[in-house]
Protein backbone atom coordinates (compact mmCIF):
# COMPACT_ATOMS: atom_id res chain seq x y z
CA UNK A 1 -6.28 300.11 260.58
CA UNK A 2 -5.62 301.69 257.19
CA UNK A 3 -1.87 302.09 257.94
CA UNK A 4 -1.60 298.44 258.97
CA UNK A 5 -3.25 297.32 255.71
CA UNK A 6 -0.86 299.46 253.65
CA UNK A 7 2.12 297.96 255.48
CA UNK A 8 0.84 294.46 254.83
CA UNK A 9 0.27 295.25 251.17
CA UNK A 10 3.79 296.69 250.88
CA UNK A 11 5.26 293.68 252.71
CA UNK A 12 3.41 291.19 250.50
CA UNK A 13 4.40 293.12 247.37
CA UNK A 14 8.06 293.22 248.46
CA UNK A 15 8.11 289.50 249.21
CA UNK A 16 6.43 288.73 245.89
CA UNK A 17 8.92 290.85 243.94
CA UNK A 18 11.86 289.23 245.75
CA UNK A 19 10.48 285.76 244.99
CA UNK A 20 10.08 286.62 241.30
CA UNK A 21 13.59 288.07 241.16
CA UNK A 22 15.08 284.97 242.80
CA UNK A 23 13.12 282.58 240.60
CA UNK A 24 14.07 284.25 237.35
CA UNK A 25 17.48 285.65 238.26
CA UNK A 26 18.76 289.14 238.11
CA UNK A 27 19.23 290.86 234.75
CA UNK A 28 23.00 290.44 235.13
CA UNK A 29 22.67 286.66 235.32
CA UNK A 30 20.81 286.56 232.01
CA UNK A 31 24.04 286.54 229.99
CA UNK A 32 25.30 283.19 228.81
CA UNK A 33 28.32 281.80 230.59
CA UNK A 34 30.55 278.75 230.40
CA UNK A 35 29.20 276.02 232.70
CA UNK A 36 31.35 273.04 231.66
CA UNK A 37 34.32 272.19 229.49
CA UNK A 38 35.94 268.99 228.31
CA UNK A 39 38.78 268.96 229.07
CA UNK A 40 38.14 270.82 232.30
CA UNK A 41 40.21 273.94 232.86
CA UNK A 42 43.44 273.12 234.66
CA UNK A 43 43.42 269.47 233.66
CA UNK A 44 46.46 267.51 232.51
CA UNK A 45 45.80 265.02 229.72
CA UNK A 46 47.92 261.94 228.94
CA UNK A 47 47.17 262.27 225.22
CA UNK A 48 46.08 264.93 222.78
CA UNK A 49 42.30 265.44 222.81
CA UNK A 50 40.36 264.73 219.62
CA UNK A 51 37.80 267.38 220.53
CA UNK A 52 37.33 270.24 222.95
CA UNK A 53 33.73 270.78 224.08
CA UNK A 54 32.29 273.83 225.81
CA UNK A 55 28.83 273.95 227.41
CA UNK A 56 27.17 277.30 228.02
CA UNK A 57 24.19 278.31 230.13
CA UNK A 58 22.30 279.20 226.96
CA UNK A 59 22.55 278.48 223.26
CA UNK A 60 25.24 280.68 221.69
CA UNK A 61 24.35 282.52 218.50
CA UNK A 62 27.97 282.61 217.29
CA UNK A 63 31.38 281.54 218.56
CA UNK A 64 35.02 282.19 217.76
CA UNK A 65 37.88 280.14 219.24
CA UNK A 66 41.67 280.31 219.23
CA UNK A 67 44.15 277.73 220.51
CA UNK A 68 47.25 279.27 222.02
CA UNK A 69 50.55 277.83 223.22
CA UNK A 70 51.86 278.83 226.64
CA UNK A 71 53.89 281.68 225.07
CA UNK A 72 50.75 283.09 223.41
CA UNK A 73 51.52 281.81 219.92
CA UNK A 74 48.33 280.97 218.03
CA UNK A 75 48.21 277.36 216.87
CA UNK A 76 46.37 275.92 213.86
CA UNK A 77 45.43 272.65 215.57
CA UNK A 78 41.67 273.23 215.85
CA UNK A 79 38.89 273.18 213.28
CA UNK A 80 35.77 275.27 213.00
CA UNK A 81 33.52 275.16 216.07
CA UNK A 82 30.08 273.56 215.72
CA UNK A 83 27.16 274.73 217.87
CA UNK A 84 24.86 271.95 219.07
CA UNK A 85 22.30 273.43 221.44
CA UNK A 86 24.18 274.75 224.47
CA UNK A 87 27.34 272.81 223.48
CA UNK A 88 30.12 274.01 221.21
CA UNK A 89 32.32 271.24 219.76
CA UNK A 90 35.78 272.15 218.51
CA UNK A 91 37.64 269.41 216.62
CA UNK A 92 41.35 269.11 217.36
CA UNK A 93 42.80 268.58 213.88
CA UNK A 94 46.46 268.05 214.80
CA UNK A 95 48.01 266.00 217.60
CA UNK A 96 49.07 268.39 220.34
CA UNK A 97 52.58 267.72 221.62
CA UNK A 98 53.48 267.89 225.32
CA UNK A 99 52.85 271.39 226.55
CA UNK A 100 50.41 273.83 228.08
CA UNK A 101 47.55 275.28 226.07
CA UNK A 102 44.87 277.93 226.32
CA UNK A 103 41.67 277.80 224.31
CA UNK A 104 40.14 281.26 224.15
CA UNK A 105 36.55 281.77 223.12
CA UNK A 106 34.26 284.64 222.30
CA UNK A 107 30.56 283.91 222.06
CA UNK A 108 27.69 286.07 221.05
CA UNK A 109 24.72 285.16 223.20
CA UNK A 110 21.10 285.19 222.09
CA UNK A 111 20.67 288.62 223.67
CA UNK A 112 23.59 289.91 221.54
CA UNK A 113 26.03 290.26 224.42
CA UNK A 114 29.61 289.21 223.75
CA UNK A 115 31.28 286.99 226.35
CA UNK A 116 35.01 286.23 226.37
CA UNK A 117 36.65 283.42 228.27
CA UNK A 118 39.26 280.70 228.17
CA UNK A 119 40.19 277.28 229.45
CA UNK A 120 43.72 276.11 230.20
CA UNK A 121 44.93 272.53 229.94
CA UNK A 122 48.13 270.63 229.39
CA UNK A 123 49.16 267.52 227.52
CA UNK A 124 51.77 265.17 229.01
CA UNK A 125 52.02 262.04 226.87
CA UNK A 126 52.77 258.92 228.87
CA UNK A 127 55.03 256.53 226.98
CA UNK A 128 53.85 252.95 226.60
CA UNK A 129 55.64 250.55 228.95
CA UNK A 130 58.58 248.73 227.40
CA UNK A 131 57.94 245.08 226.59
């Protein structure tokens, strides 16, 4: 009888711990991560964006961004990023010509972990139809 009660207690405790772990996530999932971008990675735009927006799973404490051309050359076409809750808004200050681009980012999350990432997109201007 005593052994059966111990097994039940252990089973209930194990199930409870698993439920808590699933509900709150593992410690590894606590780090902020990119959950959405505008433009989306891999997208092809018909005109230069006026802004690039990144949404993270948590509010970043700090962020650095770089806009790169396909050959890795750093471009000056973006302004300082602005943090607005979980969103980071990066103004595009110069019209981007046709080409492929990579926006790299490095955020410092609230728990002081540094997360690096990037999004790729291209611009292919569509000329206006001749009249």
